[in-house]
Protein backbone atom coordinates (compact mmCIF):
# COMPACT_ATOMS: atom_id res chain seq x y z
CA UNK A 1 53.10 -135.30 47.23
CA UNK A 2 51.51 -131.41 46.28
CA UNK A 3 48.10 -131.01 45.76
CA UNK A 4 47.75 -130.98 42.22
CA UNK A 5 49.32 -134.40 42.31
CA UNK A 6 46.84 -135.71 45.04
CA UNK A 7 44.12 -134.35 42.52
CA UNK A 8 45.74 -136.44 39.52
CA UNK A 9 46.84 -139.80 40.96
CA UNK A 10 43.07 -140.91 41.55
CA UNK A 11 42.51 -140.28 37.59
CA UNK A 12 46.17 -141.69 36.61
CA UNK A 13 45.04 -144.96 39.11
CA UNK A 14 41.87 -145.00 37.50
CA UNK A 15 43.43 -145.14 33.87
CA UNK A 16 45.68 -147.89 35.04
CA UNK A 17 42.71 -150.13 36.90
CA UNK A 18 40.83 -149.84 33.47
CA UNK A 19 43.86 -150.83 31.36
CA UNK A 20 44.02 -154.15 33.10
CA UNK A 21 40.47 -154.53 33.29
CA UNK A 22 40.12 -154.14 29.55
CA UNK A 23 42.48 -156.89 29.36
CA UNK A 24 41.58 -159.18 32.14
CA UNK A 25 37.44 -158.95 31.41
CA UNK A 26 37.15 -158.00 28.20
CA UNK A 27 40.15 -159.58 26.52
CA UNK A 28 41.84 -156.47 25.60
CA UNK A 29 38.72 -154.80 23.76
CA UNK A 30 38.89 -151.01 23.96
CA UNK A 31 42.68 -150.93 25.26
CA UNK A 32 43.66 -149.03 22.19
CA UNK A 33 40.96 -145.75 23.46
CA UNK A 34 43.12 -145.56 26.53
CA UNK A 35 45.87 -144.50 24.76
CA UNK A 36 46.40 -141.47 22.75
CA UNK A 37 45.92 -141.64 18.83
CA UNK A 38 49.75 -141.76 18.40
CA UNK A 39 50.19 -143.70 21.58
CA UNK A 40 53.18 -146.29 21.72
CA UNK A 41 53.38 -149.52 23.86
CA UNK A 42 56.76 -150.54 24.31
CA UNK A 43 56.39 -154.22 25.03
CA UNK A 44 60.09 -154.95 27.07
CA UNK A 45 62.35 -154.82 23.75
CA UNK A 46 60.15 -157.54 22.08
CA UNK A 47 58.34 -155.01 19.93
CA UNK A 48 56.67 -151.56 19.89
CA UNK A 49 53.09 -151.14 19.27
CA UNK A 50 52.51 -147.41 17.48
CA UNK A 51 49.29 -146.19 17.40
CA UNK A 52 45.84 -147.22 18.79
CA UNK A 53 45.31 -149.36 15.15
CA UNK A 54 48.43 -151.63 15.98
CA UNK A 55 47.12 -151.75 19.68
CA UNK A 56 44.03 -152.94 18.92
CA UNK A 57 45.60 -155.14 16.47
CA UNK A 58 47.68 -156.83 18.87
CA UNK A 59 44.42 -158.06 21.24
CA UNK A 60 42.69 -158.97 18.05
CA UNK A 61 45.59 -161.01 17.42
CA UNK A 62 45.62 -162.65 21.01
CA UNK A 63 41.79 -163.06 21.08
CA UNK A 64 42.16 -165.26 17.84
CA UNK A 65 44.66 -167.78 20.18
CA UNK A 66 41.45 -168.85 22.28
CA UNK A 67 40.33 -168.58 25.68
CA UNK A 68 43.01 -166.76 27.85
CA UNK A 69 42.31 -166.09 31.73
CA UNK A 70 44.88 -163.37 33.37
CA UNK A 71 44.80 -160.83 36.08
CA UNK A 72 47.02 -157.97 35.67
CA UNK A 73 47.86 -156.32 39.37
CA UNK A 74 49.14 -152.87 39.10
CA UNK A 75 50.55 -151.39 42.17
CA UNK A 76 53.22 -148.91 43.55
CA UNK A 77 52.35 -146.02 41.40
CA UNK A 78 54.65 -143.70 41.51
CA UNK A 79 54.31 -140.00 39.99
CA UNK A 80 57.29 -138.52 38.55
CA UNK A 81 56.67 -135.51 36.96
CA UNK A 82 53.60 -133.34 36.36
CA UNK A 83 53.45 -130.39 33.86
CA UNK A 84 49.79 -128.97 33.89
CA UNK A 85 50.96 -126.28 31.88
CA UNK A 86 51.16 -128.93 28.69
CA UNK A 87 48.62 -131.69 30.21
CA UNK A 88 51.22 -134.39 30.37
CA UNK A 89 52.88 -136.33 33.47
CA UNK A 90 54.82 -139.27 34.12
CA UNK A 91 54.93 -142.05 36.04
CA UNK A 92 55.87 -145.70 37.16
CA UNK A 93 53.95 -148.67 38.77
CA UNK A 94 54.46 -152.51 38.93
CA UNK A 95 52.84 -155.10 37.53
CA UNK A 96 52.45 -158.70 38.80
CA UNK A 97 50.90 -161.10 36.52
CA UNK A 98 49.04 -164.37 36.60
CA UNK A 99 47.85 -165.42 33.30
CA UNK A 100 46.65 -169.18 31.48
CA UNK A 101 45.26 -170.34 28.51
CA UNK A 102 41.80 -171.83 29.09
CA UNK A 103 39.36 -170.71 30.99
CA UNK A 104 39.59 -170.96 34.82
CA UNK A 105 40.42 -171.39 37.55
CA UNK A 106 44.04 -172.50 37.18
CA UNK A 107 46.85 -173.57 39.04
CA UNK A 108 48.06 -169.94 40.58
CA UNK A 109 51.06 -169.49 38.44
CA UNK A 110 52.91 -166.12 38.20
CA UNK A 111 54.15 -165.44 35.14
CA UNK A 112 55.82 -162.10 34.94
CA UNK A 113 56.63 -159.38 37.31
CA UNK A 114 57.39 -155.97 35.52
CA UNK A 115 57.90 -152.12 35.71
CA UNK A 116 56.00 -149.91 33.60
CA UNK A 117 57.28 -146.40 32.91
CA UNK A 118 54.42 -144.44 31.63
CA UNK A 119 53.76 -141.27 29.71
CA UNK A 120 50.29 -139.58 30.39
CA UNK A 121 48.47 -136.87 28.22
CA UNK A 122 45.29 -134.74 29.44
CA UNK A 123 42.88 -134.87 26.39
CA UNK A 124 41.16 -131.60 25.36
CA UNK A 125 37.94 -133.24 27.91
CA UNK A 126 39.96 -133.60 30.45
CA UNK A 127 40.58 -137.21 30.43
CA UNK A 128 43.85 -138.83 31.20
CA UNK A 129 45.33 -141.38 28.50
CA UNK A 130 48.52 -143.08 27.68
CA UNK A 131 50.87 -141.40 25.46
CA UNK A 132 53.49 -143.75 26.34
CA UNK A 133 53.77 -147.21 28.26
CA UNK A 134 57.52 -148.89 28.42
CA UNK A 135 57.54 -152.63 29.74
CA UNK A 136 60.69 -153.22 31.45
CA UNK A 137 60.45 -157.17 32.77
CA UNK A 138 62.01 -157.81 35.78
CA UNK A 139 60.95 -161.70 36.39
CA UNK A 140 59.43 -164.03 33.81
CA UNK A 141 58.80 -162.96 30.37
CA UNK A 142 56.08 -161.27 28.38
CA UNK A 143 53.56 -164.40 27.44
CA UNK A 144 52.95 -165.31 24.11
CA UNK A 145 55.12 -162.44 22.31
CA UNK A 146 57.72 -165.39 21.73
CA UNK A 147 55.26 -167.12 19.55
CA UNK A 148 54.38 -164.09 17.27
CA UNK A 149 52.72 -161.04 16.96
CA UNK A 150 51.13 -158.68 14.19
């Protein structure tokens, strides 16, 4: 890995960790702010959320279903492309998800393993944001989506 990728990798890892933290510990509040204003969150062929308003609305809808316990474990970050002239990067990582409705503790029950293909954009303030996140389910299914969403 080149020096530039080594400098950016910790920032991308921190962005991915913050995404997981906000879902798992803040019920999705603030997840939309981790995306560019026109960012896209594509939910594994089930639907696509376009822009911060739709992304925030999705997590508002999810919270309306009552308490939920989850842990989003992202690993295996692989940065594929970096273009520092345009402040863009691409990468993939793997999600292992455990989740259940209600307050924990719950029995261990893996829900899904998915690949996330990401496009990252560096903002004017130097912060890295998601321009696009595409979920590709490998095992299981995206929980709760079949029940309907905004």
